[in-house]
């Protein structure tokens, strides 16, 4: 399964970005291959629609889970829900590896989409 993290950097040692649509980077983790792949969030500066574009990016990346800090907005949530993506919140002050462990141990809250 692929998991998308909203981050401030391009590695598993990076801090999480609590924002969804305006996160600096999206980091994809493939649990099968154990590899991380950074994606620049080119829509983060958009005045309108950053969350929608981030949701579309999450779906096109193949992610089934998004881990972030504050969650996705209403419109982005609708897109993620239609794409079969679950969102987990509460990881805004963690490093990526810590956020992954918190997810795996059930410490993050699932955002109701």
N, C-alpha and C. Protein backbone atom coordinates (compact mmCIF):
# COMPACT_ATOMS: atom_id res chain seq x y z
N UNK A 1 0.84 -1.18 0.00
CA UNK A 1 0.00 0.00 0.00
C UNK A 1 0.89 1.25 0.00
N UNK A 2 0.41 2.27 -0.69
CA UNK A 2 1.13 3.54 -0.72
C UNK A 2 0.49 4.53 0.24
N UNK A 3 1.36 5.25 0.95
CA UNK A 3 0.92 6.24 1.93
C UNK A 3 1.54 7.58 1.55
N UNK A 4 0.73 8.63 1.56
CA UNK A 4 1.21 9.97 1.25
C UNK A 4 1.33 10.78 2.54
N UNK A 5 2.49 11.38 2.76
CA UNK A 5 2.74 12.25 3.90
C UNK A 5 2.87 13.68 3.40
N UNK A 6 2.31 14.65 4.13
CA UNK A 6 2.55 16.06 3.81
C UNK A 6 3.77 16.49 4.62
N UNK A 7 4.81 16.96 3.93
CA UNK A 7 6.09 17.19 4.61
C UNK A 7 6.70 18.55 4.28
N UNK A 8 7.73 18.88 5.06
CA UNK A 8 8.51 20.09 4.82
C UNK A 8 9.82 19.77 4.13
N UNK A 9 10.06 18.51 3.85
CA UNK A 9 11.29 18.10 3.19
C UNK A 9 11.07 16.87 2.34
N UNK A 10 12.17 16.35 1.78
CA UNK A 10 12.07 15.29 0.78
C UNK A 10 12.51 13.91 1.27
N UNK A 11 12.66 13.73 2.59
CA UNK A 11 13.10 12.43 3.08
C UNK A 11 12.27 11.99 4.29
N UNK A 12 12.50 10.77 4.71
CA UNK A 12 11.77 10.23 5.86
C UNK A 12 12.19 10.88 7.17
N UNK A 13 13.27 11.65 7.13
CA UNK A 13 13.74 12.37 8.32
C UNK A 13 13.15 13.77 8.41
N UNK A 14 12.40 14.16 7.39
CA UNK A 14 11.81 15.51 7.33
C UNK A 14 10.69 15.65 8.36
N UNK A 15 10.44 16.88 8.73
CA UNK A 15 9.30 17.19 9.58
C UNK A 15 8.04 17.15 8.74
N UNK A 16 6.97 16.75 9.37
CA UNK A 16 5.66 16.78 8.72
C UNK A 16 5.24 18.24 8.54
N UNK A 17 4.46 18.49 7.53
CA UNK A 17 3.84 19.80 7.32
C UNK A 17 2.39 19.64 7.75
N UNK A 18 1.92 20.43 8.71
CA UNK A 18 0.55 20.24 9.19
C UNK A 18 -0.52 20.58 8.15
N UNK A 19 -0.13 21.31 7.12
CA UNK A 19 -1.08 21.71 6.08
C UNK A 19 -1.22 20.61 5.05
N UNK A 20 -2.41 20.48 4.50
CA UNK A 20 -2.62 19.50 3.43
C UNK A 20 -2.35 20.15 2.08
N UNK A 21 -3.20 21.04 1.64
CA UNK A 21 -3.09 21.62 0.31
C UNK A 21 -1.88 22.49 0.09
N UNK A 22 -1.39 23.10 1.14
CA UNK A 22 -0.25 24.02 1.01
C UNK A 22 1.06 23.45 1.55
N UNK A 23 1.10 22.16 1.76
CA UNK A 23 2.34 21.51 2.22
C UNK A 23 3.45 21.72 1.20
N UNK A 24 4.67 21.84 1.70
CA UNK A 24 5.80 22.03 0.79
C UNK A 24 5.99 20.84 -0.14
N UNK A 25 5.91 19.64 0.43
CA UNK A 25 6.13 18.42 -0.34
C UNK A 25 5.09 17.38 0.02
N UNK A 26 4.94 16.43 -0.86
CA UNK A 26 4.19 15.21 -0.63
C UNK A 26 5.22 14.09 -0.73
N UNK A 27 5.30 13.25 0.27
CA UNK A 27 6.25 12.15 0.27
C UNK A 27 5.46 10.85 0.23
N UNK A 28 5.68 10.06 -0.81
CA UNK A 28 4.98 8.80 -0.99
C UNK A 28 5.84 7.67 -0.43
N UNK A 29 5.24 6.87 0.43
CA UNK A 29 5.93 5.69 0.95
C UNK A 29 5.22 4.45 0.45
N UNK A 30 5.98 3.57 -0.20
CA UNK A 30 5.45 2.31 -0.71
C UNK A 30 5.81 1.22 0.31
N UNK A 31 4.82 0.70 1.00
CA UNK A 31 5.08 -0.31 2.03
C UNK A 31 5.63 -1.61 1.46
N UNK A 32 5.35 -1.91 0.20
CA UNK A 32 5.87 -3.13 -0.40
C UNK A 32 7.36 -3.04 -0.70
N UNK A 33 7.78 -1.93 -1.31
CA UNK A 33 9.19 -1.77 -1.69
C UNK A 33 10.02 -1.08 -0.60
N UNK A 34 9.34 -0.50 0.40
CA UNK A 34 9.99 0.25 1.49
C UNK A 34 10.72 1.49 0.99
N UNK A 35 10.25 2.05 -0.12
CA UNK A 35 10.89 3.22 -0.72
C UNK A 35 10.03 4.46 -0.57
N UNK A 36 10.72 5.60 -0.40
CA UNK A 36 10.08 6.91 -0.35
C UNK A 36 10.32 7.62 -1.67
N UNK A 37 9.30 8.33 -2.14
CA UNK A 37 9.42 9.12 -3.37
C UNK A 37 8.85 10.51 -3.09
N UNK A 38 9.69 11.56 -3.20
CA UNK A 38 9.19 12.92 -2.97
C UNK A 38 8.48 13.48 -4.19
N UNK A 39 7.42 14.23 -3.92
CA UNK A 39 6.70 14.95 -4.97
C UNK A 39 6.61 16.41 -4.56
N UNK A 40 7.05 17.31 -5.41
CA UNK A 40 6.90 18.74 -5.12
C UNK A 40 5.42 19.09 -5.23
N UNK A 41 4.93 19.85 -4.28
CA UNK A 41 3.54 20.29 -4.32
C UNK A 41 3.48 21.62 -5.07
N UNK A 42 3.36 21.52 -6.37
CA UNK A 42 3.40 22.71 -7.22
C UNK A 42 2.18 23.61 -7.05
N UNK A 43 1.12 23.10 -6.45
CA UNK A 43 -0.11 23.88 -6.28
C UNK A 43 -0.15 24.64 -4.96
N UNK A 44 0.89 24.52 -4.13
CA UNK A 44 0.85 25.10 -2.79
C UNK A 44 0.69 26.62 -2.79
N UNK A 45 1.08 27.28 -3.84
CA UNK A 45 0.99 28.74 -3.91
C UNK A 45 -0.30 29.22 -4.58
N UNK A 46 -1.09 28.31 -5.09
CA UNK A 46 -2.34 28.70 -5.75
C UNK A 46 -3.27 29.41 -4.77
N UNK A 47 -3.82 30.52 -5.18
CA UNK A 47 -4.73 31.27 -4.32
C UNK A 47 -6.01 30.48 -4.06
N UNK A 48 -6.46 29.75 -5.04
CA UNK A 48 -7.66 28.93 -4.90
C UNK A 48 -7.39 27.55 -5.46
N UNK A 49 -7.84 26.55 -4.78
CA UNK A 49 -7.76 25.19 -5.32
C UNK A 49 -6.53 24.39 -4.94
N UNK A 50 -5.70 24.87 -4.00
CA UNK A 50 -4.51 24.12 -3.63
C UNK A 50 -4.88 22.75 -3.04
N UNK A 51 -5.90 22.73 -2.20
CA UNK A 51 -6.34 21.47 -1.60
C UNK A 51 -6.90 20.51 -2.62
N UNK A 52 -7.65 21.04 -3.59
CA UNK A 52 -8.22 20.19 -4.64
C UNK A 52 -7.11 19.55 -5.47
N UNK A 53 -6.10 20.34 -5.80
CA UNK A 53 -4.99 19.83 -6.60
C UNK A 53 -4.17 18.83 -5.80
N UNK A 54 -4.00 19.08 -4.50
CA UNK A 54 -3.27 18.14 -3.65
C UNK A 54 -4.02 16.82 -3.54
N UNK A 55 -5.34 16.89 -3.45
CA UNK A 55 -6.16 15.67 -3.39
C UNK A 55 -6.03 14.88 -4.69
N UNK A 56 -6.06 15.57 -5.81
CA UNK A 56 -5.90 14.92 -7.11
C UNK A 56 -4.52 14.27 -7.21
N UNK A 57 -3.48 14.97 -6.72
CA UNK A 57 -2.13 14.43 -6.72
C UNK A 57 -2.05 13.17 -5.85
N UNK A 58 -2.70 13.20 -4.70
CA UNK A 58 -2.71 12.03 -3.82
C UNK A 58 -3.31 10.82 -4.53
N UNK A 59 -4.42 11.03 -5.19
CA UNK A 59 -5.09 9.93 -5.89
C UNK A 59 -4.24 9.42 -7.05
N UNK A 60 -3.70 10.35 -7.84
CA UNK A 60 -2.90 9.93 -9.01
C UNK A 60 -1.60 9.23 -8.60
N UNK A 61 -1.13 9.48 -7.38
CA UNK A 61 0.10 8.82 -6.90
C UNK A 61 -0.16 7.37 -6.51
N UNK A 62 -1.43 7.01 -6.38
CA UNK A 62 -1.78 5.66 -5.97
C UNK A 62 -1.90 5.49 -4.47
N UNK A 63 -1.80 6.58 -3.72
CA UNK A 63 -1.90 6.51 -2.26
C UNK A 63 -3.30 6.09 -1.83
N UNK A 64 -3.37 5.25 -0.83
CA UNK A 64 -4.64 4.84 -0.24
C UNK A 64 -4.84 5.50 1.12
N UNK A 65 -3.76 6.09 1.65
CA UNK A 65 -3.79 6.76 2.95
C UNK A 65 -3.02 8.06 2.83
N UNK A 66 -3.55 9.13 3.43
CA UNK A 66 -2.85 10.40 3.58
C UNK A 66 -2.63 10.63 5.06
N UNK A 67 -1.41 10.98 5.43
CA UNK A 67 -1.10 11.33 6.81
C UNK A 67 -0.65 12.78 6.82
N UNK A 68 -1.32 13.59 7.63
CA UNK A 68 -1.07 15.03 7.65
C UNK A 68 -1.29 15.56 9.07
N UNK A 69 -1.27 16.86 9.19
CA UNK A 69 -1.47 17.46 10.51
C UNK A 69 -2.91 17.84 10.76
N UNK A 70 -3.40 18.82 10.01
CA UNK A 70 -4.71 19.40 10.26
C UNK A 70 -5.84 18.81 9.43
N UNK A 71 -5.54 18.04 8.43
CA UNK A 71 -6.57 17.43 7.60
C UNK A 71 -6.84 18.21 6.33
N UNK A 72 -7.68 17.62 5.51
CA UNK A 72 -8.06 18.21 4.23
C UNK A 72 -9.35 19.00 4.41
N UNK A 73 -9.51 20.04 3.61
CA UNK A 73 -10.73 20.83 3.63
C UNK A 73 -11.90 20.06 3.02
N UNK A 74 -13.07 20.66 3.08
CA UNK A 74 -14.29 19.98 2.65
C UNK A 74 -14.24 19.50 1.20
N UNK A 75 -13.85 20.37 0.28
CA UNK A 75 -13.84 20.00 -1.14
C UNK A 75 -12.77 18.95 -1.43
N UNK A 76 -11.59 19.12 -0.83
CA UNK A 76 -10.53 18.13 -1.02
C UNK A 76 -10.94 16.80 -0.41
N UNK A 77 -11.62 16.84 0.72
CA UNK A 77 -12.10 15.62 1.38
C UNK A 77 -13.05 14.84 0.48
N UNK A 78 -13.92 15.57 -0.22
CA UNK A 78 -14.86 14.92 -1.13
C UNK A 78 -14.12 14.16 -2.23
N UNK A 79 -13.10 14.80 -2.79
CA UNK A 79 -12.31 14.17 -3.84
C UNK A 79 -11.58 12.94 -3.30
N UNK A 80 -10.98 13.06 -2.13
CA UNK A 80 -10.25 11.94 -1.54
C UNK A 80 -11.20 10.78 -1.24
N UNK A 81 -12.37 11.09 -0.72
CA UNK A 81 -13.34 10.04 -0.42
C UNK A 81 -13.75 9.30 -1.69
N UNK A 82 -14.04 10.04 -2.76
CA UNK A 82 -14.41 9.41 -4.03
C UNK A 82 -13.28 8.56 -4.59
N UNK A 83 -12.03 8.96 -4.28
CA UNK A 83 -10.86 8.21 -4.75
C UNK A 83 -10.47 7.06 -3.84
N UNK A 84 -11.24 6.84 -2.77
CA UNK A 84 -10.96 5.72 -1.87
C UNK A 84 -9.75 5.94 -0.98
N UNK A 85 -9.44 7.20 -0.67
CA UNK A 85 -8.28 7.54 0.15
C UNK A 85 -8.75 7.91 1.56
N UNK A 86 -8.11 7.33 2.57
CA UNK A 86 -8.38 7.66 3.96
C UNK A 86 -7.38 8.71 4.42
N UNK A 87 -7.81 9.62 5.29
CA UNK A 87 -6.94 10.69 5.80
C UNK A 87 -6.81 10.55 7.31
N UNK A 88 -5.57 10.58 7.78
CA UNK A 88 -5.28 10.53 9.22
C UNK A 88 -4.59 11.83 9.62
N UNK A 89 -5.06 12.40 10.73
CA UNK A 89 -4.58 13.71 11.18
C UNK A 89 -3.91 13.60 12.55
N UNK A 90 -3.21 14.68 12.90
CA UNK A 90 -2.56 14.75 14.20
C UNK A 90 -1.06 14.54 14.15
N UNK A 91 -0.49 14.51 12.95
CA UNK A 91 0.94 14.24 12.81
C UNK A 91 1.74 15.50 12.51
N UNK A 92 1.15 16.67 12.71
CA UNK A 92 1.77 17.93 12.30
C UNK A 92 3.08 18.28 12.96
N UNK A 93 3.34 17.76 14.16
CA UNK A 93 4.57 18.12 14.87
C UNK A 93 5.57 16.95 14.93
N UNK A 94 5.41 16.00 14.04
CA UNK A 94 6.25 14.80 14.03
C UNK A 94 7.18 14.79 12.82
N UNK A 95 8.18 13.93 12.87
CA UNK A 95 8.95 13.61 11.68
C UNK A 95 8.19 12.51 10.95
N UNK A 96 8.50 12.32 9.68
CA UNK A 96 7.79 11.36 8.85
C UNK A 96 7.82 9.97 9.48
N UNK A 97 9.00 9.52 9.92
CA UNK A 97 9.10 8.18 10.51
C UNK A 97 8.24 8.06 11.75
N UNK A 98 8.18 9.10 12.56
CA UNK A 98 7.34 9.10 13.76
C UNK A 98 5.86 9.04 13.38
N UNK A 99 5.49 9.79 12.35
CA UNK A 99 4.11 9.80 11.89
C UNK A 99 3.70 8.42 11.37
N UNK A 100 4.60 7.75 10.68
CA UNK A 100 4.31 6.40 10.19
C UNK A 100 4.07 5.45 11.35
N UNK A 101 4.93 5.51 12.35
CA UNK A 101 4.78 4.65 13.53
C UNK A 101 3.48 4.96 14.26
N UNK A 102 3.14 6.25 14.38
CA UNK A 102 1.89 6.64 15.04
C UNK A 102 0.69 6.09 14.27
N UNK A 103 0.76 6.12 12.96
CA UNK A 103 -0.32 5.56 12.13
C UNK A 103 -0.43 4.05 12.35
N UNK A 104 0.69 3.36 12.30
CA UNK A 104 0.69 1.91 12.42
C UNK A 104 0.21 1.44 13.79
N UNK A 105 0.41 2.25 14.82
CA UNK A 105 0.01 1.87 16.17
C UNK A 105 -1.33 2.47 16.59
N UNK A 106 -2.03 3.09 15.63
CA UNK A 106 -3.36 3.60 15.89
C UNK A 106 -3.43 4.87 16.71
N UNK A 107 -2.36 5.66 16.71
CA UNK A 107 -2.31 6.88 17.50
C UNK A 107 -2.83 8.11 16.77
N UNK A 108 -3.06 8.01 15.46
CA UNK A 108 -3.57 9.14 14.70
C UNK A 108 -5.08 9.02 14.53
N UNK A 109 -5.73 10.15 14.43
CA UNK A 109 -7.18 10.18 14.29
C UNK A 109 -7.56 10.15 12.81
N UNK A 110 -8.52 9.33 12.49
CA UNK A 110 -9.02 9.26 11.11
C UNK A 110 -9.97 10.43 10.89
N UNK A 111 -9.71 11.21 9.84
CA UNK A 111 -10.59 12.32 9.49
C UNK A 111 -11.83 11.77 8.82
N UNK A 112 -12.98 12.18 9.30
CA UNK A 112 -14.24 11.77 8.68
C UNK A 112 -14.41 12.56 7.40
N UNK A 113 -14.48 11.87 6.28
CA UNK A 113 -14.59 12.53 4.99
C UNK A 113 -16.03 12.59 4.54
